[in-house]
Protein backbone atom coordinates (compact mmCIF):
# COMPACT_ATOMS: atom_id res chain seq x y z
CA MET A 1 18.67 64.33 -73.08
CA LYS A 2 15.64 67.35 -73.10
CA LYS A 3 12.50 65.82 -74.81
CA LEU A 4 11.46 66.67 -77.80
CA LEU A 5 7.52 65.95 -78.98
CA LEU A 6 6.83 66.44 -83.06
CA VAL A 7 3.15 67.05 -82.85
CA ALA A 8 -14.09 79.73 -94.93
CA LEU A 9 -15.02 81.93 -93.74
CA VAL A 10 -18.86 81.24 -93.66
CA LEU A 11 -20.65 84.42 -94.13
CA GLY A 12 -23.79 85.43 -91.68
CA SER A 13 -25.97 87.64 -90.36
CA ALA A 14 -28.64 87.22 -87.39
CA CYS A 15 -32.23 86.57 -88.53
CA SER A 16 -33.08 85.62 -84.94
CA ALA A 17 -32.98 86.25 -81.45
CA ALA A 18 -32.44 81.87 -82.05
CA GLY A 19 -29.49 82.43 -84.02
CA GLN A 20 -31.57 80.59 -86.90
CA THR A 21 -31.92 81.29 -90.81
CA PRO A 22 -34.99 81.68 -92.77
CA ASN A 23 -34.63 77.95 -93.45
CA GLY A 24 -34.18 77.19 -90.38
CA GLU A 25 -30.45 75.96 -90.04
CA PRO A 26 -28.37 77.18 -87.96
CA GLN A 27 -26.54 80.88 -88.06
CA ALA A 28 -22.93 81.19 -89.31
CA ALA A 29 -20.67 83.25 -87.74
CA SER A 30 -20.15 86.93 -88.63
CA GLU A 31 -16.85 87.54 -90.47
CA CYS A 32 -13.78 88.90 -88.16
CA LYS A 33 -12.66 91.86 -90.48
CA LEU A 34 -8.91 91.87 -88.64
CA LYS A 35 -5.56 91.64 -91.05
CA LEU A 36 -2.91 89.07 -90.64
CA SER A 37 -0.79 92.09 -89.20
CA GLN A 38 -3.14 91.76 -86.01
CA ALA A 39 -3.26 88.44 -85.36
CA PRO A 40 -2.82 87.86 -81.83
CA VAL A 41 1.18 87.82 -80.07
CA ILE A 42 1.11 85.38 -76.61
CA ARG A 43 3.46 85.61 -74.62
CA GLY A 44 6.08 87.22 -76.76
CA ILE A 45 4.91 84.77 -80.16
CA GLY A 46 3.56 85.84 -83.29
CA LEU A 47 3.22 84.39 -86.39
CA GLY A 48 6.05 85.39 -89.13
CA MET A 49 8.45 85.06 -86.58
CA ASN A 50 11.56 83.34 -87.58
CA ALA A 51 13.06 80.30 -85.76
CA ASN A 52 15.65 82.58 -84.16
CA GLN A 53 13.45 84.38 -82.92
CA VAL A 54 11.12 81.56 -81.56
CA LEU A 55 14.80 79.96 -79.87
CA ALA A 56 15.45 83.43 -78.52
CA LEU A 57 12.19 82.87 -76.40
CA PHE A 58 13.65 79.88 -74.97
CA PRO A 59 16.81 80.52 -73.71
CA GLY A 60 18.95 77.09 -73.83
CA SER A 61 17.35 76.00 -76.05
CA GLU A 62 19.96 76.43 -78.63
CA LYS A 63 21.69 73.99 -77.04
CA ASN A 64 19.22 71.36 -77.74
CA GLU A 65 21.31 69.48 -80.18
CA THR A 66 17.79 67.31 -81.32
CA LEU A 67 15.58 70.70 -81.58
CA ILE A 68 18.17 72.46 -83.49
CA ARG A 69 18.95 69.36 -86.43
CA ARG A 70 14.84 69.38 -86.67
CA LEU A 71 14.57 72.92 -86.92
CA SER A 72 16.99 72.55 -89.92
CA GLU A 73 15.06 69.30 -91.29
CA PRO A 74 12.67 71.31 -93.45
CA ARG A 75 10.02 68.67 -95.49
CA PHE A 76 8.80 71.12 -98.44
CA GLY A 77 9.36 73.96 -96.94
CA LEU A 78 7.70 72.83 -93.49
CA ILE A 79 9.21 72.79 -90.49
CA THR A 80 7.82 71.26 -86.74
CA ALA A 81 8.69 71.41 -83.34
CA ASP A 82 7.23 71.37 -79.93
CA VAL A 83 8.98 72.94 -77.63
CA VAL A 84 8.73 72.41 -73.12
CA PRO A 85 8.98 75.56 -71.30
CA SER A 86 9.40 73.86 -68.21
CA TYR A 87 13.14 73.12 -69.50
CA TYR A 88 14.35 76.22 -70.23
CA GLY A 89 15.45 79.34 -68.52
CA SER A 90 11.83 80.93 -69.16
CA LYS A 91 9.74 79.00 -67.93
CA GLU A 92 8.70 82.00 -65.28
CA LYS A 93 7.34 83.76 -68.38
CA PHE A 94 5.14 80.74 -69.74
CA GLU A 95 4.20 79.89 -66.29
CA GLY A 96 1.22 77.69 -66.60
CA VAL A 97 1.68 75.76 -70.46
CA ARG A 98 2.80 72.57 -70.83
CA SER A 99 4.19 72.97 -74.26
CA VAL A 100 4.58 75.17 -77.48
CA THR A 101 3.75 73.66 -81.20
CA PHE A 102 5.62 75.52 -83.71
CA GLY A 103 4.76 75.38 -87.94
CA PHE A 104 7.07 77.12 -89.76
CA LEU A 105 6.92 77.29 -93.98
CA ASP A 106 9.72 78.67 -95.29
CA GLY A 107 11.30 80.20 -92.11
CA GLU A 108 8.71 81.85 -91.00
CA LEU A 109 6.07 80.91 -88.22
CA ASN A 110 2.74 79.69 -90.57
CA PHE A 111 1.25 78.62 -87.21
CA PHE A 112 1.73 78.02 -83.61
CA ALA A 113 -0.26 76.18 -80.23
CA LEU A 114 0.00 76.44 -77.02
CA MET A 115 -1.24 74.01 -74.22
CA TYR A 116 -1.51 74.68 -71.72
CA SER A 117 -2.11 72.95 -67.48
CA GLY A 118 -5.29 74.06 -67.04
CA PRO A 119 -7.73 75.27 -65.72
CA VAL A 120 -11.14 73.33 -66.69
CA TRP A 121 -13.63 75.12 -68.59
CA GLU A 122 -17.52 73.91 -68.02
CA SER A 123 -17.88 74.78 -71.70
CA ASP A 124 -16.65 75.85 -75.33
CA ASP A 125 -17.97 79.40 -75.00
CA GLN A 126 -16.77 80.04 -72.07
CA PHE A 127 -13.25 79.15 -73.29
CA ALA A 128 -13.89 80.92 -76.36
CA ALA A 129 -15.57 83.60 -74.41
CA LYS A 130 -12.38 84.13 -72.21
CA VAL A 131 -9.71 83.69 -75.23
CA ALA A 132 -11.31 86.24 -76.69
CA GLU A 133 -11.20 88.74 -74.19
CA SER A 134 -7.77 87.96 -73.23
CA LEU A 135 -6.34 88.20 -76.73
CA ASP A 136 -8.74 92.00 -77.98
CA LEU A 137 -10.67 89.49 -79.61
CA PRO A 138 -13.94 89.77 -81.64
CA ALA A 139 -16.74 87.95 -78.99
CA GLY A 140 -19.95 85.94 -79.04
CA LYS A 141 -21.58 83.01 -81.12
CA LYS A 142 -22.06 85.35 -83.91
CA PHE A 143 -18.14 85.18 -84.94
CA TRP A 144 -16.85 82.01 -82.78
CA ARG A 145 -18.07 79.01 -84.71
CA VAL A 146 -18.24 75.07 -84.03
CA SER A 147 -14.98 73.15 -84.62
CA VAL A 148 -13.65 70.11 -83.85
CA GLY A 149 -12.76 70.05 -79.79
CA GLY A 150 -13.37 73.83 -79.08
CA LYS A 151 -14.24 76.81 -80.78
CA THR A 152 -12.98 78.56 -84.43
CA LEU A 153 -12.45 82.44 -84.65
CA ALA A 154 -11.74 82.68 -88.93
CA CYS A 155 -10.92 86.46 -89.54
CA ASP A 156 -9.68 88.22 -92.75
CA GLY A 157 -5.84 86.51 -93.25
CA PHE A 158 -6.15 84.34 -89.81
CA GLU A 159 -7.93 82.01 -87.69
CA VAL A 160 -7.98 81.15 -83.92
CA LEU A 161 -8.48 77.84 -82.60
CA ALA A 162 -9.65 77.01 -78.96
CA ARG A 163 -9.87 74.19 -78.12
CA MET A 164 -11.55 72.13 -75.26
CA PRO A 165 -9.39 69.55 -72.83
CA THR A 166 -9.09 65.79 -74.16
CA GLU A 167 -7.55 62.93 -72.17
CA ASN A 168 -4.27 63.45 -73.52
CA SER A 169 -4.04 66.69 -73.77
CA GLY A 170 -4.89 70.47 -71.63
CA PRO A 171 -6.85 73.17 -72.79
CA MET A 172 -5.10 74.47 -75.96
CA ILE A 173 -4.92 78.17 -78.45
CA GLU A 174 -3.85 77.43 -82.13
CA ILE A 175 -3.23 80.73 -84.03
CA ARG A 176 -2.88 80.23 -87.75
CA ASN A 177 -2.06 81.90 -90.98
CA LEU A 178 -4.42 82.24 -93.53
CA GLU A 179 -2.52 83.97 -95.88
CA LYS A 180 -0.08 81.18 -96.56
CA ASP A 181 -2.95 77.51 -96.26
CA VAL A 182 0.29 75.16 -95.30
CA ASN A 183 -1.72 72.27 -96.01
CA ARG A 184 -2.50 73.17 -99.33
CA ILE A 185 1.11 74.65 -100.19
CA VAL A 186 2.50 71.36 -99.14
CA ARG A 187 0.64 69.15 -100.72
CA GLU A 188 0.86 70.75 -103.92
CA ARG A 189 5.12 70.79 -103.47
CA ASP A 190 4.98 66.96 -102.77
CA GLN A 191 2.66 66.73 -106.23
CA ALA A 192 4.81 68.33 -107.84
CA VAL A 193 8.25 66.35 -106.81
CA LYS A 194 5.75 63.45 -107.64
CA ASP A 195 5.23 64.74 -111.28
CA LYS A 196 8.73 65.52 -111.40
CA ALA A 197 9.64 61.97 -110.88
CA ARG A 198 6.88 60.35 -113.02
CA ARG A 199 8.33 62.72 -116.26
CA ALA A 200 11.36 61.90 -115.75
CA PHE A 201 10.95 57.77 -115.42
CA LYS A 202 12.19 55.85 -118.33
CA PRO A 203 11.93 51.90 -118.70
């Protein structure tokens, strides 16, 4: 059986060469002006795609019953699933990619992440610089802020996370839709269901 794994903007300006604000606090990341429609596409994967378009990138995945069942079971409109490219006909196209995580909200790809087998990076800044160069994104510390496990670039509609390897994972690039905050939307829908149940309750 094929393996399936379920897995604010801060505006700033340069005030000194040391990257400090007048009050001595670290400089905030500059604003990225790119729109959602300009979000990067990585190896054919882009925000807004539907499940069928994603599956088409992995020939044979449509026969994976576990994956298909997972994609048909949304929770408050959200579906998450992982695909291992080496199991499918597109393994050459995804050379060096260990796994791909997808998050669909109401049928559209809201976020995705590619985990790579390597290489080793000397620093967060080095990895973020390579991601920016490869995906034609703004580069440098004035755009990329420190985040958990790496660096984040927040633009006008989407976010890019460049995460360094950990003990259990390789380097990762994640793209997220900021116009539709999936965590907030799912949380609100969950709360609405609970509120409805409480209103309907009769001792």
